[in-house]
Amino acid sequence: MAAIAIFLWALNRRRLSPARLEATIAKNAEGWKSEEAKAWLVEFCRFWRGLGFFEKFKGVSDEGLAQKLTEMIPRESGFPFNPRDEFTEIGVLMLDPDRFWFEDTEADVCMENKVYERIISEWAKISRGAFNPQELHELWHSDKGPIEVHFKLKDQSHTLHPDYNDDWFDLPILIEINKMIKDTGAMFYVYVPDQCAGVIALTKEEHAVIKKERKIKFDVL
């Protein structure tokens, strides 16, 4: 369901005229103002803030944050409210880029774009200090690889070898990164509905709580 929601909404956004798109986002925004959506958002805030999400709103109550998210959703993406679809939860988690990373894996990967340097830096940002690479450098030996990503972690040199796949990035490099940070107590988990991917850093205990209480399935590669 999440994959369908992601791509149908993205497709509709591209196909709609500016006027129709504005009207659709406005209609979706009204759905987020319903009493059901308000109650869902307050419960969402209670749960995810218990895991350290939305830290920049630390002084705001769960009800206050729910109201802020209601205002942010139309501005940031405009997707509809559907409590039976896990993408509703994924979509709201995207509003905290300090904890949750989400992107299309077809990301214009090439020698010139240094996509691995950018993405690995973004994963470091959401890791809560578990992954802090220094001197990050992406090296291509030709337009089609081999590719090397060099960095230092705790004064030790490491090299990743992403597989070349046209303009798609190699998500399984997280397998090697997780081995490097296993002593921190945290790991990178992924949410992969199809060609999009979400990445989140969690302890095993946090992952267990999410698995028990939420619809989203985060996995380890």
C-alpha atoms as a PDB file:
ATOM      1  CA  MET A   1       0.000   0.000   0.000  1.00  0.00           C
ATOM      2  CA  ALA A   2       2.771   2.460   0.825  1.00  0.00           C
ATOM      3  CA  ALA A   3       4.444   1.997  -2.561  1.00  0.00           C
ATOM      4  CA  ILE A   4       1.136   2.590  -4.346  1.00  0.00           C
ATOM      5  CA  ALA A   5       0.474   5.707  -2.291  1.00  0.00           C
ATOM      6  CA  ILE A   6       3.940   7.124  -2.912  1.00  0.00           C
ATOM      7  CA  PHE A   7       3.905   6.753  -6.661  1.00  0.00           C
ATOM      8  CA  LEU A   8       0.248   7.523  -7.310  1.00  0.00           C
ATOM      9  CA  TRP A   9       0.578  10.757  -5.379  1.00  0.00           C
ATOM     10  CA  ALA A  10       3.889  11.642  -7.073  1.00  0.00           C
ATOM     11  CA  LEU A  11       2.386  10.813 -10.475  1.00  0.00           C
ATOM     12  CA  ASN A  12      -0.721  12.869  -9.824  1.00  0.00           C
ATOM     13  CA  ARG A  13       1.354  15.845  -8.725  1.00  0.00           C
ATOM     14  CA  ARG A  14       3.220  15.788 -12.050  1.00  0.00           C
ATOM     15  CA  ARG A  15       0.090  15.357 -14.172  1.00  0.00           C
ATOM     16  CA  LEU A  16      -2.149  17.929 -12.551  1.00  0.00           C
ATOM     17  CA  SER A  17      -2.272  21.486 -13.782  1.00  0.00           C
ATOM     18  CA  PRO A  18      -1.092  24.076 -11.229  1.00  0.00           C
ATOM     19  CA  ALA A  19      -4.692  25.015 -10.449  1.00  0.00           C
ATOM     20  CA  ARG A  20      -5.824  21.395 -10.042  1.00  0.00           C
ATOM     21  CA  LEU A  21      -2.765  20.568  -7.950  1.00  0.00           C
ATOM     22  CA  GLU A  22      -3.447  23.495  -5.640  1.00  0.00           C
ATOM     23  CA  ALA A  23      -7.078  22.422  -5.289  1.00  0.00           C
ATOM     24  CA  THR A  24      -6.094  18.793  -4.587  1.00  0.00           C
ATOM     25  CA  ILE A  25      -3.558  19.788  -1.933  1.00  0.00           C
ATOM     26  CA  ALA A  26      -6.173  22.063  -0.346  1.00  0.00           C
ATOM     27  CA  LYS A  27      -8.671  19.176  -0.296  1.00  0.00           C
ATOM     28  CA  ASN A  28      -6.072  16.844   1.230  1.00  0.00           C
ATOM     29  CA  ALA A  29      -5.265  19.501   3.817  1.00  0.00           C
ATOM     30  CA  GLU A  30      -8.893  19.524   4.928  1.00  0.00           C
ATOM     31  CA  GLY A  31      -8.645  15.772   5.555  1.00  0.00           C
ATOM     32  CA  TRP A  32      -5.751  16.418   7.936  1.00  0.00           C
ATOM     33  CA  LYS A  33      -7.972  18.833   9.903  1.00  0.00           C
ATOM     34  CA  SER A  34     -10.557  16.152  10.691  1.00  0.00           C
ATOM     35  CA  GLU A  35     -10.983  14.990  14.271  1.00  0.00           C
ATOM     36  CA  GLU A  36      -9.771  11.518  13.298  1.00  0.00           C
ATOM     37  CA  ALA A  37      -6.569  12.957  11.800  1.00  0.00           C
ATOM     38  CA  LYS A  38      -5.979  15.203  14.804  1.00  0.00           C
ATOM     39  CA  ALA A  39      -6.295  12.264  17.207  1.00  0.00           C
ATOM     40  CA  TRP A  40      -4.034  10.138  15.000  1.00  0.00           C
ATOM     41  CA  LEU A  41      -1.376  12.859  14.877  1.00  0.00           C
ATOM     42  CA  VAL A  42      -1.378  13.376  18.653  1.00  0.00           C
ATOM     43  CA  GLU A  43      -0.860   9.632  19.162  1.00  0.00           C
ATOM     44  CA  PHE A  44       1.811   9.642  16.421  1.00  0.00           C
ATOM     45  CA  CYS A  45       3.639  12.470  18.218  1.00  0.00           C
ATOM     46  CA  ARG A  46       3.420  10.710  21.569  1.00  0.00           C
ATOM     47  CA  PHE A  47       4.970   7.536  20.187  1.00  0.00           C
ATOM     48  CA  TRP A  48       7.735   8.925  17.975  1.00  0.00           C
ATOM     49  CA  ARG A  49       8.800  11.661  20.392  1.00  0.00           C
ATOM     50  CA  GLY A  50       9.310   8.886  22.914  1.00  0.00           C
ATOM     51  CA  LEU A  51      12.025   7.663  20.542  1.00  0.00           C
ATOM     52  CA  GLY A  52      13.617  11.089  20.218  1.00  0.00           C
ATOM     53  CA  PHE A  53      11.978  12.336  17.041  1.00  0.00           C
ATOM     54  CA  PHE A  54      11.088  15.995  16.362  1.00  0.00           C
ATOM     55  CA  GLU A  55      13.662  17.243  18.868  1.00  0.00           C
ATOM     56  CA  LYS A  56      13.532  20.757  17.426  1.00  0.00           C
ATOM     57  CA  PHE A  57      10.013  21.028  18.882  1.00  0.00           C
ATOM     58  CA  LYS A  58      11.160  19.977  22.354  1.00  0.00           C
ATOM     59  CA  GLY A  59       9.199  22.635  24.225  1.00  0.00           C
ATOM     60  CA  VAL A  60       5.946  21.971  22.370  1.00  0.00           C
ATOM     61  CA  SER A  61       3.218  19.644  23.649  1.00  0.00           C
ATOM     62  CA  ASP A  62       2.115  16.630  21.611  1.00  0.00           C
ATOM     63  CA  GLU A  63      -1.087  18.496  20.767  1.00  0.00           C
ATOM     64  CA  GLY A  64       0.907  21.560  19.741  1.00  0.00           C
ATOM     65  CA  LEU A  65       3.233  19.526  17.551  1.00  0.00           C
ATOM     66  CA  ALA A  66       0.272  17.757  15.944  1.00  0.00           C
ATOM     67  CA  GLN A  67      -1.084  21.170  14.978  1.00  0.00           C
ATOM     68  CA  LYS A  68       2.284  22.235  13.550  1.00  0.00           C
ATOM     69  CA  LEU A  69       2.490  19.033  11.486  1.00  0.00           C
ATOM     70  CA  THR A  70      -1.034  19.645  10.202  1.00  0.00           C
ATOM     71  CA  GLU A  71       0.204  22.993   8.899  1.00  0.00           C
ATOM     72  CA  MET A  72       3.471  21.553   7.502  1.00  0.00           C
ATOM     73  CA  ILE A  73       2.000  18.650   5.497  1.00  0.00           C
ATOM     74  CA  PRO A  74       0.241  20.704   2.769  1.00  0.00           C
ATOM     75  CA  ARG A  75       3.298  22.956   2.460  1.00  0.00           C
ATOM     76  CA  GLU A  76       5.860  20.155   2.315  1.00  0.00           C
ATOM     77  CA  SER A  77       4.118  17.461   0.259  1.00  0.00           C
ATOM     78  CA  GLY A  78       0.329  17.646   0.322  1.00  0.00           C
ATOM     79  CA  PHE A  79      -0.340  13.891   0.547  1.00  0.00           C
ATOM     80  CA  PRO A  80      -3.762  12.734   1.803  1.00  0.00           C
ATOM     81  CA  PHE A  81      -4.591  11.369   5.245  1.00  0.00           C
ATOM     82  CA  ASN A  82      -5.305   7.630   5.302  1.00  0.00           C
ATOM     83  CA  PRO A  83      -4.746   5.928   8.672  1.00  0.00           C
ATOM     84  CA  ARG A  84      -5.016   2.494   7.034  1.00  0.00           C
ATOM     85  CA  ASP A  85      -2.023   3.164   4.770  1.00  0.00           C
ATOM     86  CA  GLU A  86       1.461   2.930   6.282  1.00  0.00           C
ATOM     87  CA  PHE A  87       2.637   5.689   3.936  1.00  0.00           C
ATOM     88  CA  THR A  88       0.646   8.146   6.020  1.00  0.00           C
ATOM     89  CA  GLU A  89       3.066   7.465   8.865  1.00  0.00           C
ATOM     90  CA  ILE A  90       6.107   7.403   6.565  1.00  0.00           C
ATOM     91  CA  GLY A  91       5.020  10.704   5.043  1.00  0.00           C
ATOM     92  CA  VAL A  92       4.827  12.408   8.430  1.00  0.00           C
ATOM     93  CA  LEU A  93       8.163  10.906   9.533  1.00  0.00           C
ATOM     94  CA  MET A  94       9.706  12.589   6.492  1.00  0.00           C
ATOM     95  CA  LEU A  95       9.015  15.901   8.227  1.00  0.00           C
ATOM     96  CA  ASP A  96      11.871  15.075  10.614  1.00  0.00           C
ATOM     97  CA  PRO A  97      14.898  14.824   8.276  1.00  0.00           C
ATOM     98  CA  ASP A  98      17.199  14.856  11.308  1.00  0.00           C
ATOM     99  CA  ARG A  99      16.034  11.313  12.143  1.00  0.00           C
ATOM    100  CA  PHE A 100      14.528   9.813   8.984  1.00  0.00           C
ATOM    101  CA  TRP A 101      16.043   9.785   5.491  1.00  0.00           C
ATOM    102  CA  PHE A 102      13.902   9.007   2.444  1.00  0.00           C
ATOM    103  CA  GLU A 103      14.860   9.201  -1.223  1.00  0.00           C
ATOM    104  CA  ASP A 104      14.421   7.657  -4.652  1.00  0.00           C
ATOM    105  CA  THR A 105      17.308   5.245  -5.238  1.00  0.00           C
ATOM    106  CA  GLU A 106      17.439   6.393  -8.865  1.00  0.00           C
ATOM    107  CA  ALA A 107      19.438   9.411  -7.778  1.00  0.00           C
ATOM    108  CA  ASP A 108      21.523  10.556 -10.777  1.00  0.00           C
ATOM    109  CA  VAL A 109      24.546   8.618  -9.590  1.00  0.00           C
ATOM    110  CA  CYS A 110      27.576   9.425 -11.735  1.00  0.00           C
ATOM    111  CA  MET A 111      31.206  10.435 -11.416  1.00  0.00           C
ATOM    112  CA  GLU A 112      30.461  14.163 -11.424  1.00  0.00           C
ATOM    113  CA  ASN A 113      27.599  14.228  -8.926  1.00  0.00           C
ATOM    114  CA  LYS A 114      29.341  12.701  -5.884  1.00  0.00           C
ATOM    115  CA  VAL A 115      26.053  11.200  -4.758  1.00  0.00           C
ATOM    116  CA  TYR A 116      27.690   8.766  -2.323  1.00  0.00           C
ATOM    117  CA  GLU A 117      29.475  11.590  -0.511  1.00  0.00           C
ATOM    118  CA  ARG A 118      26.149  13.389  -0.105  1.00  0.00           C
ATOM    119  CA  ILE A 119      24.087  10.370   0.928  1.00  0.00           C
ATOM    120  CA  ILE A 120      26.638   9.001   3.394  1.00  0.00           C
ATOM    121  CA  SER A 121      26.870  12.457   4.982  1.00  0.00           C
ATOM    122  CA  GLU A 122      23.077  12.528   5.274  1.00  0.00           C
ATOM    123  CA  TRP A 123      23.050   9.079   6.892  1.00  0.00           C
ATOM    124  CA  ALA A 124      25.654  10.297   9.364  1.00  0.00           C
ATOM    125  CA  LYS A 125      23.345  13.198  10.248  1.00  0.00           C
ATOM    126  CA  ILE A 126      20.470  10.861  11.213  1.00  0.00           C
ATOM    127  CA  SER A 127      22.677   8.392  13.115  1.00  0.00           C
ATOM    128  CA  ARG A 128      22.648  10.251  16.475  1.00  0.00           C
ATOM    129  CA  GLY A 129      26.439  10.059  16.595  1.00  0.00           C
ATOM    130  CA  ALA A 130      26.739   6.331  15.883  1.00  0.00           C
ATOM    131  CA  PHE A 131      28.231   6.975  12.436  1.00  0.00           C
ATOM    132  CA  ASN A 132      30.558   9.950  12.064  1.00  0.00           C
ATOM    133  CA  PRO A 133      32.740   9.543   8.941  1.00  0.00           C
ATOM    134  CA  GLN A 134      35.582  12.007   8.414  1.00  0.00           C
ATOM    135  CA  GLU A 135      37.575  12.890   5.284  1.00  0.00           C
ATOM    136  CA  LEU A 136      34.859  11.452   3.048  1.00  0.00           C
ATOM    137  CA  HIS A 137      35.986  11.053  -0.563  1.00  0.00           C
ATOM    138  CA  GLU A 138      34.269   9.387  -3.526  1.00  0.00           C
ATOM    139  CA  LEU A 139      36.515   8.016  -6.269  1.00  0.00           C
ATOM    140  CA  TRP A 140      35.460   6.676  -9.693  1.00  0.00           C
ATOM    141  CA  HIS A 141      37.984   4.816 -11.846  1.00  0.00           C
ATOM    142  CA  SER A 142      35.815   5.280 -14.951  1.00  0.00           C
ATOM    143  CA  ASP A 143      32.288   6.461 -15.834  1.00  0.00           C
ATOM    144  CA  LYS A 144      31.033   2.956 -14.999  1.00  0.00           C
ATOM    145  CA  GLY A 145      33.209   2.246 -11.986  1.00  0.00           C
ATOM    146  CA  PRO A 146      34.778   0.687 -10.092  1.00  0.00           C
ATOM    147  CA  ILE A 147      33.641   3.079  -7.361  1.00  0.00           C
ATOM    148  CA  GLU A 148      35.378   3.595  -4.029  1.00  0.00           C
ATOM    149  CA  VAL A 149      34.209   5.666  -1.074  1.00  0.00           C
ATOM    150  CA  HIS A 150      36.971   6.413   1.411  1.00  0.00           C
ATOM    151  CA  PHE A 151      36.575   7.840   4.912  1.00  0.00           C
ATOM    152  CA  LYS A 152      37.897   7.612   8.434  1.00  0.00           C
ATOM    153  CA  LEU A 153      35.860   6.384  11.381  1.00  0.00           C
ATOM    154  CA  LYS A 154      37.384   6.658  14.849  1.00  0.00           C
ATOM    155  CA  ASP A 155      40.783   7.271  13.227  1.00  0.00           C
ATOM    156  CA  GLN A 156      40.557   4.060  11.205  1.00  0.00           C
ATOM    157  CA  SER A 157      40.507   4.165   7.401  1.00  0.00           C
ATOM    158  CA  HIS A 158      37.618   2.452   5.603  1.00  0.00           C
ATOM    159  CA  THR A 159      36.694   1.918   1.978  1.00  0.00           C
ATOM    160  CA  LEU A 160      33.271   1.048   0.588  1.00  0.00           C
ATOM    161  CA  HIS A 161      32.904  -0.459  -2.892  1.00  0.00           C
ATOM    162  CA  PRO A 162      29.414   0.412  -4.200  1.00  0.00           C
ATOM    163  CA  ASP A 163      28.260  -1.582  -7.209  1.00  0.00           C
ATOM    164  CA  TYR A 164      27.690   0.444 -10.370  1.00  0.00           C
ATOM    165  CA  ASN A 165      24.062   0.336 -11.562  1.00  0.00           C
ATOM    166  CA  ASP A 166      23.601   3.153 -14.057  1.00  0.00           C
ATOM    167  CA  ASP A 167      22.209   6.166 -12.105  1.00  0.00           C
ATOM    168  CA  TRP A 168      20.923   4.148  -9.125  1.00  0.00           C
ATOM    169  CA  PHE A 169      22.796   4.129  -5.832  1.00  0.00           C
ATOM    170  CA  ASP A 170      23.791   0.938  -4.078  1.00  0.00           C
ATOM    171  CA  LEU A 171      21.739   0.794  -0.873  1.00  0.00           C
ATOM    172  CA  PRO A 172      23.427  -2.432   0.382  1.00  0.00           C
ATOM    173  CA  ILE A 173      26.559  -0.472   1.303  1.00  0.00           C
ATOM    174  CA  LEU A 174      24.645  -0.111   4.563  1.00  0.00           C
ATOM    175  CA  ILE A 175      25.568  -3.730   5.307  1.00  0.00           C
ATOM    176  CA  GLU A 176      29.231  -2.763   5.624  1.00  0.00           C
ATOM    177  CA  ILE A 177      28.453   0.449   7.475  1.00  0.00           C
ATOM    178  CA  ASN A 178      26.404  -1.474  10.046  1.00  0.00           C
ATOM    179  CA  LYS A 179      29.377  -3.754  10.667  1.00  0.00           C
ATOM    180  CA  MET A 180      31.500  -0.668  11.356  1.00  0.00           C
ATOM    181  CA  ILE A 181      29.094   0.730  13.965  1.00  0.00           C
ATOM    182  CA  LYS A 182      27.971  -2.502  15.655  1.00  0.00           C
ATOM    183  CA  ASP A 183      29.670  -1.527  18.919  1.00  0.00           C
ATOM    184  CA  THR A 184      27.607   1.680  19.226  1.00  0.00           C
ATOM    185  CA  GLY A 185      24.354  -0.134  19.994  1.00  0.00           C
ATOM    186  CA  ALA A 186      22.647   1.422  16.957  1.00  0.00           C
ATOM    187  CA  MET A 187      22.106   0.137  13.433  1.00  0.00           C
ATOM    188  CA  PHE A 188      20.727   1.513  10.201  1.00  0.00           C
ATOM    189  CA  TYR A 189      17.372  -0.032   9.324  1.00  0.00           C
ATOM    190  CA  VAL A 190      15.658   0.408   5.980  1.00  0.00           C
ATOM    191  CA  TYR A 191      12.131   0.785   4.675  1.00  0.00           C
ATOM    192  CA  VAL A 192      11.998  -0.157   0.982  1.00  0.00           C
ATOM    193  CA  PRO A 193       8.541  -0.074  -0.626  1.00  0.00           C
ATOM    194  CA  ASP A 194      10.134  -0.327  -4.103  1.00  0.00           C
ATOM    195  CA  GLN A 195      12.636   2.012  -5.751  1.00  0.00           C
ATOM    196  CA  CYS A 196      12.355   4.522  -2.920  1.00  0.00           C
ATOM    197  CA  ALA A 197      14.172   3.846   0.325  1.00  0.00           C
ATOM    198  CA  GLY A 198      13.856   5.097   3.872  1.00  0.00           C
ATOM    199  CA  VAL A 199      16.751   4.837   6.322  1.00  0.00           C
ATOM    200  CA  ILE A 200      16.578   5.203  10.101  1.00  0.00           C
ATOM    201  CA  ALA A 201      19.096   4.618  12.912  1.00  0.00           C
ATOM    202  CA  LEU A 202      17.696   2.624  15.835  1.00  0.00           C
ATOM    203  CA  THR A 203      18.775   0.442  18.700  1.00  0.00           C
ATOM    204  CA  LYS A 204      17.479  -3.128  18.750  1.00  0.00           C
ATOM    205  CA  GLU A 205      15.160  -2.173  21.608  1.00  0.00           C
ATOM    206  CA  GLU A 206      13.697   0.766  19.663  1.00  0.00           C
ATOM    207  CA  HIS A 207      13.229  -1.419  16.602  1.00  0.00           C
ATOM    208  CA  ALA A 208      11.373  -3.997  18.684  1.00  0.00           C
ATOM    209  CA  VAL A 209       8.999  -1.352  20.049  1.00  0.00           C
ATOM    210  CA  ILE A 210       8.249  -0.007  16.563  1.00  0.00           C
ATOM    211  CA  LYS A 211       7.670  -3.515  15.239  1.00  0.00           C
ATOM    212  CA  LYS A 212       5.225  -4.217  18.056  1.00  0.00           C
ATOM    213  CA  GLU A 213       3.273  -0.958  18.053  1.00  0.00           C
ATOM    214  CA  ARG A 214       3.352   0.441  14.500  1.00  0.00           C
ATOM    215  CA  LYS A 215       2.456  -0.761  11.007  1.00  0.00           C
ATOM    216  CA  ILE A 216       5.809   0.138   9.455  1.00  0.00           C
ATOM    217  CA  LYS A 217       8.296  -2.659   8.853  1.00  0.00           C
ATOM    218  CA  PHE A 218      11.944  -1.569   9.132  1.00  0.00           C
ATOM    219  CA  ASP A 219      14.493  -4.209   8.146  1.00  0.00           C
ATOM    220  CA  VAL A 220      18.248  -4.734   8.293  1.00  0.00           C
ATOM    221  CA  LEU A 221      19.880  -5.376   4.936  1.00  0.00           C
END
